[in-house]
Amino acid sequence: MDVEEKRKPWYRKTRYVILIGILAALLLFSFLSSSFAPAKSSDQSRLDRTIYYFAQNYNATTGLIGQTPGSSTFWLYPVNYLATLAIERYNPGNSTTSGFAQAMNAAFQSYLATFPEQYDASEFTALNSTTASFSCLNQYSLTWTPQSEIAPGTTRVSIMTNANTGSQSCSSGNYADLLLLQALWYHRFGNGSEATSFYNLASADFNGKGFADEAYNGTAYQTSNLALYVYTSSCLSANSTNYNTATRVLYSLQDNSTGGFYGEYANNLTSLNAPQLTPIGGVTTEATALASLALEQLVNPSTGC
């Protein structure tokens, strides 16, 4: 059996689109470096920096973006699904960003094709589909060692995915992200009353600092919940006091040097007018992707929902 026959199915499908992704990422550096103009709104500038983060952390070997900068673990759902969606919506008319998104999506789909069909079940598909699963999460992995001619000396990487294939109890639980995603899902179907009901349940978890839902451990708030709340609030035109506060807190969690958003922050917020937060850990691609989607919705509401 020759080398070509030994390659994984996803590799045969994605070797060219990964090269396209590399070129797109390189072009994106040039595009973004010339696009930070003083005349831009603060939201647009924040959004630009998230796209810079994606380009900077794109992994040419896998065709994906790691959960954290330099990570050798790559999550299909939710991380790369969300990052791809954010890049797609950033500027659909720009060939560079659209090419980058197409390359990432092709890699994502090819990896996913190696998993059993039932693993393609995520709550986050509620962001752009009428099909979504709100059951509890299970984690699955596909470990692959890159071919030597593609990445000589590259260490083993792990391809992971979350799938909502567990108990259905989570769909009725007090989890802010699932409540907000169900609000978006019903909104997509035009069921305003159910959308508002789920949105209000999530809003009740916001304590002025973060979301103290069932998953909250009393120490660290999840930035992803903030971003999803800002996004959902904009989609549902629910600009409440909580929304304005959550937006200010979210803004404060972007790292200016990388453009990424910190994944968690401590519960020591003292000022709502000028939030001073203590990030826990580093920036994450999941938080950055959800923040990017929220910013896109603020800059150009027609791109989402």
C-alpha atoms as a PDB file:
ATOM      1  CA  MET A   1       0.000   0.000   0.000  1.00  0.00           C
ATOM      2  CA  ASP A   2       1.524   3.346  -1.004  1.00  0.00           C
ATOM      3  CA  VAL A   3       1.567   6.522   1.071  1.00  0.00           C
ATOM      4  CA  GLU A   4      -1.478   7.997  -0.661  1.00  0.00           C
ATOM      5  CA  GLU A   5      -3.573   4.964   0.281  1.00  0.00           C
ATOM      6  CA  LYS A   6      -2.523   5.197   3.917  1.00  0.00           C
ATOM      7  CA  ARG A   7      -3.681   8.758   4.363  1.00  0.00           C
ATOM      8  CA  LYS A   8      -6.787   9.454   6.340  1.00  0.00           C
ATOM      9  CA  PRO A   9      -9.984  10.218   4.345  1.00  0.00           C
ATOM     10  CA  TRP A  10     -10.090  13.784   5.631  1.00  0.00           C
ATOM     11  CA  TYR A  11      -6.558  14.410   4.370  1.00  0.00           C
ATOM     12  CA  ARG A  12      -7.373  13.573   0.771  1.00  0.00           C
ATOM     13  CA  LYS A  13     -10.307  15.939   0.911  1.00  0.00           C
ATOM     14  CA  THR A  14      -8.573  18.863   2.584  1.00  0.00           C
ATOM     15  CA  ARG A  15      -4.942  18.994   1.435  1.00  0.00           C
ATOM     16  CA  TYR A  16      -5.715  21.652  -1.151  1.00  0.00           C
ATOM     17  CA  VAL A  17      -8.174  23.677   0.894  1.00  0.00           C
ATOM     18  CA  ILE A  18      -5.685  23.764   3.752  1.00  0.00           C
ATOM     19  CA  LEU A  19      -3.181  25.338   1.385  1.00  0.00           C
ATOM     20  CA  ILE A  20      -5.867  27.820   0.404  1.00  0.00           C
ATOM     21  CA  GLY A  21      -6.405  28.494   4.088  1.00  0.00           C
ATOM     22  CA  ILE A  22      -2.705  29.172   4.570  1.00  0.00           C
ATOM     23  CA  LEU A  23      -2.708  31.679   1.729  1.00  0.00           C
ATOM     24  CA  ALA A  24      -5.911  33.251   2.993  1.00  0.00           C
ATOM     25  CA  ALA A  25      -4.464  33.609   6.486  1.00  0.00           C
ATOM     26  CA  LEU A  26      -1.327  35.242   5.116  1.00  0.00           C
ATOM     27  CA  LEU A  27      -3.373  37.649   3.027  1.00  0.00           C
ATOM     28  CA  LEU A  28      -5.581  38.300   6.017  1.00  0.00           C
ATOM     29  CA  PHE A  29      -2.598  39.590   8.007  1.00  0.00           C
ATOM     30  CA  SER A  30      -1.977  42.161   5.288  1.00  0.00           C
ATOM     31  CA  PHE A  31      -5.663  43.007   4.977  1.00  0.00           C
ATOM     32  CA  LEU A  32      -6.148  43.533   8.702  1.00  0.00           C
ATOM     33  CA  SER A  33      -2.919  45.419   9.277  1.00  0.00           C
ATOM     34  CA  SER A  34      -4.079  48.054   6.807  1.00  0.00           C
ATOM     35  CA  SER A  35      -7.681  48.105   8.034  1.00  0.00           C
ATOM     36  CA  PHE A  36      -7.223  49.433  11.584  1.00  0.00           C
ATOM     37  CA  ALA A  37      -8.255  53.033  10.832  1.00  0.00           C
ATOM     38  CA  PRO A  38      -8.987  55.706  13.477  1.00  0.00           C
ATOM     39  CA  ALA A  39     -12.338  56.450  11.849  1.00  0.00           C
ATOM     40  CA  LYS A  40     -13.666  53.014  12.696  1.00  0.00           C
ATOM     41  CA  SER A  41     -16.140  52.537  15.498  1.00  0.00           C
ATOM     42  CA  SER A  42     -14.870  50.936  18.682  1.00  0.00           C
ATOM     43  CA  ASP A  43     -17.011  47.859  18.006  1.00  0.00           C
ATOM     44  CA  GLN A  44     -15.537  47.500  14.514  1.00  0.00           C
ATOM     45  CA  SER A  45     -12.002  47.792  15.881  1.00  0.00           C
ATOM     46  CA  ARG A  46     -12.720  45.139  18.502  1.00  0.00           C
ATOM     47  CA  LEU A  47     -14.185  42.934  15.792  1.00  0.00           C
ATOM     48  CA  ASP A  48     -11.155  43.413  13.535  1.00  0.00           C
ATOM     49  CA  ARG A  49      -8.881  42.245  16.328  1.00  0.00           C
ATOM     50  CA  THR A  50     -10.853  39.010  16.754  1.00  0.00           C
ATOM     51  CA  ILE A  51     -10.339  38.194  13.073  1.00  0.00           C
ATOM     52  CA  TYR A  52      -6.654  38.968  13.492  1.00  0.00           C
ATOM     53  CA  TYR A  53      -6.618  36.438  16.344  1.00  0.00           C
ATOM     54  CA  PHE A  54      -8.076  33.737  14.083  1.00  0.00           C
ATOM     55  CA  ALA A  55      -5.519  34.402  11.348  1.00  0.00           C
ATOM     56  CA  GLN A  56      -2.667  34.491  13.838  1.00  0.00           C
ATOM     57  CA  ASN A  57      -3.650  31.159  15.400  1.00  0.00           C
ATOM     58  CA  TYR A  58      -4.628  29.270  12.257  1.00  0.00           C
ATOM     59  CA  ASN A  59      -2.778  25.940  12.176  1.00  0.00           C
ATOM     60  CA  ALA A  60      -1.613  25.127   8.656  1.00  0.00           C
ATOM     61  CA  THR A  61      -1.060  21.444   9.421  1.00  0.00           C
ATOM     62  CA  THR A  62      -4.573  20.666  10.620  1.00  0.00           C
ATOM     63  CA  GLY A  63      -6.485  23.421   8.846  1.00  0.00           C
ATOM     64  CA  LEU A  64      -8.047  24.343  12.202  1.00  0.00           C
ATOM     65  CA  ILE A  65      -7.595  26.774  15.078  1.00  0.00           C
ATOM     66  CA  GLY A  66      -6.599  25.484  18.517  1.00  0.00           C
ATOM     67  CA  GLN A  67      -8.656  26.175  21.607  1.00  0.00           C
ATOM     68  CA  THR A  68      -5.805  28.341  22.917  1.00  0.00           C
ATOM     69  CA  PRO A  69      -2.775  29.860  21.168  1.00  0.00           C
ATOM     70  CA  GLY A  70      -0.162  27.179  20.556  1.00  0.00           C
ATOM     71  CA  SER A  71      -2.431  24.333  21.642  1.00  0.00           C
ATOM     72  CA  SER A  72      -2.073  20.901  20.023  1.00  0.00           C
ATOM     73  CA  THR A  73      -5.740  20.118  20.754  1.00  0.00           C
ATOM     74  CA  PHE A  74      -8.318  21.165  18.181  1.00  0.00           C
ATOM     75  CA  TRP A  75     -12.057  21.078  18.864  1.00  0.00           C
ATOM     76  CA  LEU A  76     -14.503  20.701  15.990  1.00  0.00           C
ATOM     77  CA  TYR A  77     -17.622  21.583  18.002  1.00  0.00           C
ATOM     78  CA  PRO A  78     -17.827  24.142  19.355  1.00  0.00           C
ATOM     79  CA  VAL A  79     -14.520  25.922  18.695  1.00  0.00           C
ATOM     80  CA  ASN A  80     -13.890  25.616  14.968  1.00  0.00           C
ATOM     81  CA  TYR A  81     -17.570  25.624  14.119  1.00  0.00           C
ATOM     82  CA  LEU A  82     -17.925  28.984  15.865  1.00  0.00           C
ATOM     83  CA  ALA A  83     -14.671  30.414  14.495  1.00  0.00           C
ATOM     84  CA  THR A  84     -15.641  29.476  10.946  1.00  0.00           C
ATOM     85  CA  LEU A  85     -19.076  31.051  11.376  1.00  0.00           C
ATOM     86  CA  ALA A  86     -17.520  34.249  12.746  1.00  0.00           C
ATOM     87  CA  ILE A  87     -15.095  34.502   9.821  1.00  0.00           C
ATOM     88  CA  GLU A  88     -17.905  33.823   7.328  1.00  0.00           C
ATOM     89  CA  ARG A  89     -19.979  36.673   8.742  1.00  0.00           C
ATOM     90  CA  TYR A  90     -17.143  39.147   9.182  1.00  0.00           C
ATOM     91  CA  ASN A  91     -17.191  40.564   5.654  1.00  0.00           C
ATOM     92  CA  PRO A  92     -18.934  38.235   3.185  1.00  0.00           C
ATOM     93  CA  GLY A  93     -18.021  40.486   0.264  1.00  0.00           C
ATOM     94  CA  ASN A  94     -14.297  40.229   0.905  1.00  0.00           C
ATOM     95  CA  SER A  95     -12.662  37.420  -1.090  1.00  0.00           C
ATOM     96  CA  THR A  96      -9.820  36.987   1.404  1.00  0.00           C
ATOM     97  CA  THR A  97     -11.978  36.398   4.469  1.00  0.00           C
ATOM     98  CA  SER A  98     -14.543  34.359   2.544  1.00  0.00           C
ATOM     99  CA  GLY A  99     -11.768  32.146   1.123  1.00  0.00           C
ATOM    100  CA  PHE A 100     -10.347  31.670   4.595  1.00  0.00           C
ATOM    101  CA  ALA A 101     -13.781  30.682   5.917  1.00  0.00           C
ATOM    102  CA  GLN A 102     -14.363  28.268   3.023  1.00  0.00           C
ATOM    103  CA  ALA A 103     -11.042  26.541   3.648  1.00  0.00           C
ATOM    104  CA  MET A 104     -11.755  26.161   7.356  1.00  0.00           C
ATOM    105  CA  ASN A 105     -15.260  24.900   6.706  1.00  0.00           C
ATOM    106  CA  ALA A 106     -13.998  22.294   4.226  1.00  0.00           C
ATOM    107  CA  ALA A 107     -11.455  21.039   6.773  1.00  0.00           C
ATOM    108  CA  PHE A 108     -14.106  21.010   9.515  1.00  0.00           C
ATOM    109  CA  GLN A 109     -16.564  19.025   7.410  1.00  0.00           C
ATOM    110  CA  SER A 110     -13.923  16.512   6.345  1.00  0.00           C
ATOM    111  CA  TYR A 111     -12.917  15.811   9.927  1.00  0.00           C
ATOM    112  CA  LEU A 112     -16.535  15.496  10.929  1.00  0.00           C
ATOM    113  CA  ALA A 113     -17.095  12.976   8.136  1.00  0.00           C
ATOM    114  CA  THR A 114     -14.808  10.538   9.957  1.00  0.00           C
ATOM    115  CA  PHE A 115     -17.130  10.458  12.991  1.00  0.00           C
ATOM    116  CA  PRO A 116     -20.369   8.474  13.287  1.00  0.00           C
ATOM    117  CA  GLU A 117     -23.338  10.543  12.080  1.00  0.00           C
ATOM    118  CA  GLN A 118     -24.890  10.914  15.518  1.00  0.00           C
ATOM    119  CA  TYR A 119     -21.854  12.878  16.725  1.00  0.00           C
ATOM    120  CA  ASP A 120     -22.868  15.760  14.458  1.00  0.00           C
ATOM    121  CA  ALA A 121     -25.177  17.148  17.128  1.00  0.00           C
ATOM    122  CA  SER A 122     -24.507  20.502  18.730  1.00  0.00           C
ATOM    123  CA  GLU A 123     -26.423  23.173  20.558  1.00  0.00           C
ATOM    124  CA  PHE A 124     -24.473  25.820  18.637  1.00  0.00           C
ATOM    125  CA  THR A 125     -26.055  24.938  15.308  1.00  0.00           C
ATOM    126  CA  ALA A 126     -29.001  26.961  16.662  1.00  0.00           C
ATOM    127  CA  LEU A 127     -26.959  29.991  15.574  1.00  0.00           C
ATOM    128  CA  ASN A 128     -27.515  29.318  11.887  1.00  0.00           C
ATOM    129  CA  SER A 129     -29.826  26.339  11.513  1.00  0.00           C
ATOM    130  CA  THR A 130     -33.261  25.061  12.425  1.00  0.00           C
ATOM    131  CA  THR A 131     -31.638  21.841  13.614  1.00  0.00           C
ATOM    132  CA  ALA A 132     -29.936  21.708  16.989  1.00  0.00           C
ATOM    133  CA  SER A 133     -29.577  19.420  19.991  1.00  0.00           C
ATOM    134  CA  PHE A 134     -29.833  20.726  23.541  1.00  0.00           C
ATOM    135  CA  SER A 135     -29.093  17.459  25.332  1.00  0.00           C
ATOM    136  CA  CYS A 136     -26.144  17.078  27.679  1.00  0.00           C
ATOM    137  CA  LEU A 137     -22.619  17.017  26.264  1.00  0.00           C
ATOM    138  CA  ASN A 138     -20.356  14.088  25.567  1.00  0.00           C
ATOM    139  CA  GLN A 139     -16.768  14.392  24.336  1.00  0.00           C
ATOM    140  CA  TYR A 140     -15.226  12.368  21.520  1.00  0.00           C
ATOM    141  CA  SER A 141     -11.727  12.307  20.094  1.00  0.00           C
ATOM    142  CA  LEU A 142      -9.918  11.481  16.879  1.00  0.00           C
ATOM    143  CA  THR A 143      -6.139  11.444  17.239  1.00  0.00           C
ATOM    144  CA  TRP A 144      -4.074  11.746  14.100  1.00  0.00           C
ATOM    145  CA  THR A 145      -0.340  11.950  13.472  1.00  0.00           C
ATOM    146  CA  PRO A 146       0.381  14.278  10.506  1.00  0.00           C
ATOM    147  CA  GLN A 147       2.102  12.878   7.425  1.00  0.00           C
ATOM    148  CA  SER A 148       5.847  13.547   7.453  1.00  0.00           C
ATOM    149  CA  GLU A 149       5.853  15.313   4.110  1.00  0.00           C
ATOM    150  CA  ILE A 150       3.293  17.817   5.364  1.00  0.00           C
ATOM    151  CA  ALA A 151       4.797  18.628   8.737  1.00  0.00           C
ATOM    152  CA  PRO A 152       8.193  17.021   9.415  1.00  0.00           C
ATOM    153  CA  GLY A 153       8.712  16.382  13.104  1.00  0.00           C
ATOM    154  CA  THR A 154       5.248  17.553  14.089  1.00  0.00           C
ATOM    155  CA  THR A 155       4.096  16.037  17.354  1.00  0.00           C
ATOM    156  CA  ARG A 156       0.811  14.230  17.717  1.00  0.00           C
ATOM    157  CA  VAL A 157      -2.232  16.441  17.707  1.00  0.00           C
ATOM    158  CA  SER A 158      -5.662  15.681  19.107  1.00  0.00           C
ATOM    159  CA  ILE A 159      -8.861  16.356  17.214  1.00  0.00           C
ATOM    160  CA  MET A 160     -11.783  16.551  19.619  1.00  0.00           C
ATOM    161  CA  THR A 161     -15.473  17.355  19.422  1.00  0.00           C
ATOM    162  CA  ASN A 162     -18.307  17.996  21.820  1.00  0.00           C
ATOM    163  CA  ALA A 163     -21.600  16.413  20.869  1.00  0.00           C
ATOM    164  CA  ASN A 164     -24.971  16.852  22.541  1.00  0.00           C
ATOM    165  CA  THR A 165     -25.679  13.130  22.635  1.00  0.00           C
ATOM    166  CA  GLY A 166     -26.269  12.699  26.359  1.00  0.00           C
ATOM    167  CA  SER A 167     -29.294  12.976  28.610  1.00  0.00           C
ATOM    168  CA  GLN A 168     -32.081  15.348  27.576  1.00  0.00           C
ATOM    169  CA  SER A 169     -32.180  16.733  31.115  1.00  0.00           C
ATOM    170  CA  CYS A 170     -29.830  19.592  30.199  1.00  0.00           C
ATOM    171  CA  SER A 171     -32.358  21.106  27.801  1.00  0.00           C
ATOM    172  CA  SER A 172     -34.612  21.955  30.730  1.00  0.00           C
ATOM    173  CA  GLY A 173     -31.815  22.788  33.164  1.00  0.00           C
ATOM    174  CA  ASN A 174     -30.597  26.185  34.286  1.00  0.00           C
ATOM    175  CA  TYR A 175     -27.640  26.543  31.913  1.00  0.00           C
ATOM    176  CA  ALA A 176     -27.327  30.058  30.524  1.00  0.00           C
ATOM    177  CA  ASP A 177     -25.814  29.016  27.204  1.00  0.00           C
ATOM    178  CA  LEU A 178     -28.458  26.383  26.499  1.00  0.00           C
ATOM    179  CA  LEU A 179     -31.252  28.741  27.502  1.00  0.00           C
ATOM    180  CA  LEU A 180     -29.954  31.471  25.190  1.00  0.00           C
ATOM    181  CA  LEU A 181     -29.418  29.080  22.299  1.00  0.00           C
ATOM    182  CA  GLN A 182     -32.967  27.753  22.701  1.00  0.00           C
ATOM    183  CA  ALA A 183     -34.185  31.369  22.655  1.00  0.00           C
ATOM    184  CA  LEU A 184     -32.361  31.848  19.344  1.00  0.00           C
ATOM    185  CA  TRP A 185     -33.720  28.566  18.017  1.00  0.00           C
ATOM    186  CA  TYR A 186     -37.337  29.533  18.722  1.00  0.00           C
ATOM    187  CA  HIS A 187     -36.663  33.013  17.360  1.00  0.00           C
ATOM    188  CA  ARG A 188     -35.514  31.404  14.111  1.00  0.00           C
ATOM    189  CA  PHE A 189     -38.839  29.560  13.921  1.00  0.00           C
ATOM    190  CA  GLY A 190     -40.721  32.806  14.555  1.00  0.00           C
ATOM    191  CA  ASN A 191     -41.986  31.689  17.961  1.00  0.00           C
ATOM    192  CA  GLY A 192     -41.503  34.961  19.827  1.00  0.00           C
ATOM    193  CA  SER A 193     -43.187  33.918  23.070  1.00  0.00           C
ATOM    194  CA  GLU A 194     -40.972  30.854  23.573  1.00  0.00           C
ATOM    195  CA  ALA A 195     -37.881  32.817  22.532  1.00  0.00           C
ATOM    196  CA  THR A 196     -38.670  35.507  25.107  1.00  0.00           C
ATOM    197  CA  SER A 197     -39.387  32.898  27.783  1.00  0.00           C
ATOM    198  CA  PHE A 198     -35.984  31.216  27.398  1.00  0.00           C
ATOM    199  CA  TYR A 199     -34.247  34.579  27.139  1.00  0.00           C
ATOM    200  CA  ASN A 200     -35.832  35.778  30.394  1.00  0.00           C
ATOM    201  CA  LEU A 201     -34.785  32.591  32.182  1.00  0.00           C
ATOM    202  CA  ALA A 202     -31.182  33.220  31.152  1.00  0.00           C
ATOM    203  CA  SER A 203     -31.397  36.903  32.074  1.00  0.00           C
ATOM    204  CA  ALA A 204     -32.418  35.930  35.588  1.00  0.00           C
ATOM    205  CA  ASP A 205     -29.011  34.253  36.013  1.00  0.00           C
ATOM    206  CA  PHE A 206     -27.112  37.490  35.370  1.00  0.00           C
ATOM    207  CA  ASN A 207     -26.097  39.049  38.681  1.00  0.00           C
ATOM    208  CA  GLY A 208     -24.432  42.196  37.354  1.00  0.00           C
ATOM    209  CA  LYS A 209     -21.044  40.508  37.025  1.00  0.00           C
ATOM    210  CA  GLY A 210     -21.690  37.307  35.128  1.00  0.00           C
ATOM    211  CA  PHE A 211     -24.034  34.369  34.784  1.00  0.00           C
ATOM    212  CA  ALA A 212     -24.488  32.456  38.024  1.00  0.00           C
ATOM    213  CA  ASP A 213     -26.230  29.504  36.436  1.00  0.00           C
ATOM    214  CA  GLU A 214     -26.131  25.822  37.321  1.00  0.00           C
ATOM    215  CA  ALA A 215     -22.632  25.486  35.863  1.00  0.00           C
ATOM    216  CA  TYR A 216     -21.232  28.439  37.835  1.00  0.00           C
ATOM    217  CA  ASN A 217     -18.690  27.290  40.416  1.00  0.00           C
ATOM    218  CA  GLY A 218     -18.775  30.405  42.586  1.00  0.00           C
ATOM    219  CA  THR A 219     -15.327  31.528  41.481  1.00  0.00           C
ATOM    220  CA  ALA A 220     -15.119  31.958  37.712  1.00  0.00           C
ATOM    221  CA  TYR A 221     -17.634  33.376  35.272  1.00  0.00           C
ATOM    222  CA  GLN A 222     -17.700  32.192  31.650  1.00  0.00           C
ATOM    223  CA  THR A 223     -17.033  34.847  29.020  1.00  0.00           C
ATOM    224  CA  SER A 224     -18.865  32.740  26.424  1.00  0.00           C
ATOM    225  CA  ASN A 225     -22.140  33.254  28.313  1.00  0.00           C
ATOM    226  CA  LEU A 226     -21.648  37.021  28.224  1.00  0.00           C
ATOM    227  CA  ALA A 227     -20.962  37.006  24.496  1.00  0.00           C
ATOM    228  CA  LEU A 228     -23.924  34.758  23.757  1.00  0.00           C
ATOM    229  CA  TYR A 229     -26.161  36.996  25.871  1.00  0.00           C
ATOM    230  CA  VAL A 230     -25.088  40.133  23.983  1.00  0.00           C
ATOM    231  CA  TYR A 231     -25.641  38.338  20.683  1.00  0.00           C
ATOM    232  CA  THR A 232     -29.073  37.006  21.668  1.00  0.00           C
ATOM    233  CA  SER A 233     -30.166  40.340  23.136  1.00  0.00           C
ATOM    234  CA  SER A 234     -29.379  42.053  19.861  1.00  0.00           C
ATOM    235  CA  CYS A 235     -31.183  39.387  17.837  1.00  0.00           C
ATOM    236  CA  LEU A 236     -34.284  39.650  20.003  1.00  0.00           C
ATOM    237  CA  SER A 237     -34.008  43.468  20.296  1.00  0.00           C
ATOM    238  CA  ALA A 238     -34.045  43.042  24.071  1.00  0.00           C
ATOM    239  CA  ASN A 239     -31.802  45.929  25.097  1.00  0.00           C
ATOM    240  CA  SER A 240     -32.302  45.670  28.840  1.00  0.00           C
ATOM    241  CA  THR A 241     -30.174  47.077  31.653  1.00  0.00           C
ATOM    242  CA  ASN A 242     -28.556  43.657  31.950  1.00  0.00           C
ATOM    243  CA  TYR A 243     -27.654  43.806  28.270  1.00  0.00           C
ATOM    244  CA  ASN A 244     -25.856  47.139  28.628  1.00  0.00           C
ATOM    245  CA  THR A 245     -23.927  45.928  31.667  1.00  0.00           C
ATOM    246  CA  ALA A 246     -23.017  42.605  30.066  1.00  0.00           C
ATOM    247  CA  THR A 247     -21.756  44.442  26.984  1.00  0.00           C
ATOM    248  CA  ARG A 248     -19.420  46.633  29.046  1.00  0.00           C
ATOM    249  CA  VAL A 249     -18.077  43.625  30.935  1.00  0.00           C
ATOM    250  CA  LEU A 250     -17.554  41.730  27.675  1.00  0.00           C
ATOM    251  CA  TYR A 251     -15.595  44.623  26.156  1.00  0.00           C
ATOM    252  CA  SER A 252     -13.211  44.614  29.100  1.00  0.00           C
ATOM    253  CA  LEU A 253     -12.267  40.961  28.518  1.00  0.00           C
ATOM    254  CA  GLN A 254     -10.502  41.424  25.188  1.00  0.00           C
ATOM    255  CA  ASP A 255      -6.733  41.119  25.193  1.00  0.00           C
ATOM    256  CA  ASN A 256      -5.445  43.993  23.060  1.00  0.00           C
ATOM    257  CA  SER A 257      -2.180  42.297  22.112  1.00  0.00           C
ATOM    258  CA  THR A 258      -3.745  39.141  20.617  1.00  0.00           C
ATOM    259  CA  GLY A 259      -7.302  40.272  19.908  1.00  0.00           C
ATOM    260  CA  GLY A 260      -8.579  37.215  21.774  1.00  0.00           C
ATOM    261  CA  PHE A 261     -11.033  37.152  24.666  1.00  0.00           C
ATOM    262  CA  TYR A 262     -10.260  35.599  28.034  1.00  0.00           C
ATOM    263  CA  GLY A 263     -12.318  32.474  28.607  1.00  0.00           C
ATOM    264  CA  GLU A 264     -13.006  33.038  32.308  1.00  0.00           C
ATOM    265  CA  TYR A 265     -12.841  35.884  34.806  1.00  0.00           C
ATOM    266  CA  ALA A 266     -13.022  36.173  38.572  1.00  0.00           C
ATOM    267  CA  ASN A 267     -16.108  37.366  40.419  1.00  0.00           C
ATOM    268  CA  ASN A 268     -14.379  40.485  41.798  1.00  0.00           C
ATOM    269  CA  LEU A 269     -16.032  43.086  39.564  1.00  0.00           C
ATOM    270  CA  THR A 270     -16.414  46.322  41.529  1.00  0.00           C
ATOM    271  CA  SER A 271     -17.267  48.979  38.931  1.00  0.00           C
ATOM    272  CA  LEU A 272     -19.858  48.635  36.181  1.00  0.00           C
ATOM    273  CA  ASN A 273     -18.913  51.928  34.541  1.00  0.00           C
ATOM    274  CA  ALA A 274     -15.253  50.976  34.124  1.00  0.00           C
ATOM    275  CA  PRO A 275     -15.007  47.245  34.782  1.00  0.00           C
ATOM    276  CA  GLN A 276     -11.743  46.065  36.296  1.00  0.00           C
ATOM    277  CA  LEU A 277     -11.669  42.322  35.945  1.00  0.00           C
ATOM    278  CA  THR A 278      -9.209  39.599  36.789  1.00  0.00           C
ATOM    279  CA  PRO A 279      -8.995  37.091  33.928  1.00  0.00           C
ATOM    280  CA  ILE A 280      -8.512  33.455  34.895  1.00  0.00           C
ATOM    281  CA  GLY A 281      -6.201  31.676  32.516  1.00  0.00           C
ATOM    282  CA  GLY A 282      -5.623  32.933  28.994  1.00  0.00           C
ATOM    283  CA  VAL A 283      -7.590  33.789  25.903  1.00  0.00           C
ATOM    284  CA  THR A 284      -9.590  31.028  24.226  1.00  0.00           C
ATOM    285  CA  THR A 285     -10.831  30.589  20.696  1.00  0.00           C
ATOM    286  CA  GLU A 286     -14.327  29.653  21.846  1.00  0.00           C
ATOM    287  CA  ALA A 287     -14.773  32.866  23.829  1.00  0.00           C
ATOM    288  CA  THR A 288     -13.199  34.881  21.005  1.00  0.00           C
ATOM    289  CA  ALA A 289     -15.467  33.344  18.375  1.00  0.00           C
ATOM    290  CA  LEU A 290     -18.637  34.006  20.363  1.00  0.00           C
ATOM    291  CA  ALA A 291     -17.463  37.545  21.135  1.00  0.00           C
ATOM    292  CA  SER A 292     -16.730  38.037  17.440  1.00  0.00           C
ATOM    293  CA  LEU A 293     -20.254  36.928  16.543  1.00  0.00           C
ATOM    294  CA  ALA A 294     -21.683  39.315  19.154  1.00  0.00           C
ATOM    295  CA  LEU A 295     -19.610  42.202  17.795  1.00  0.00           C
ATOM    296  CA  GLU A 296     -20.668  41.372  14.247  1.00  0.00           C
ATOM    297  CA  GLN A 297     -24.264  41.534  15.342  1.00  0.00           C
ATOM    298  CA  LEU A 298     -23.655  44.961  16.896  1.00  0.00           C
ATOM    299  CA  VAL A 299     -21.786  46.296  13.857  1.00  0.00           C
ATOM    300  CA  ASN A 300     -24.090  44.803  11.228  1.00  0.00           C
ATOM    301  CA  PRO A 301     -27.277  43.264  12.645  1.00  0.00           C
ATOM    302  CA  SER A 302     -28.294  41.889   9.261  1.00  0.00           C
ATOM    303  CA  THR A 303     -25.460  39.325   9.318  1.00  0.00           C
ATOM    304  CA  GLY A 304     -26.934  37.086  12.006  1.00  0.00           C
ATOM    305  CA  CYS A 305     -30.048  35.620  13.604  1.00  0.00           C
END
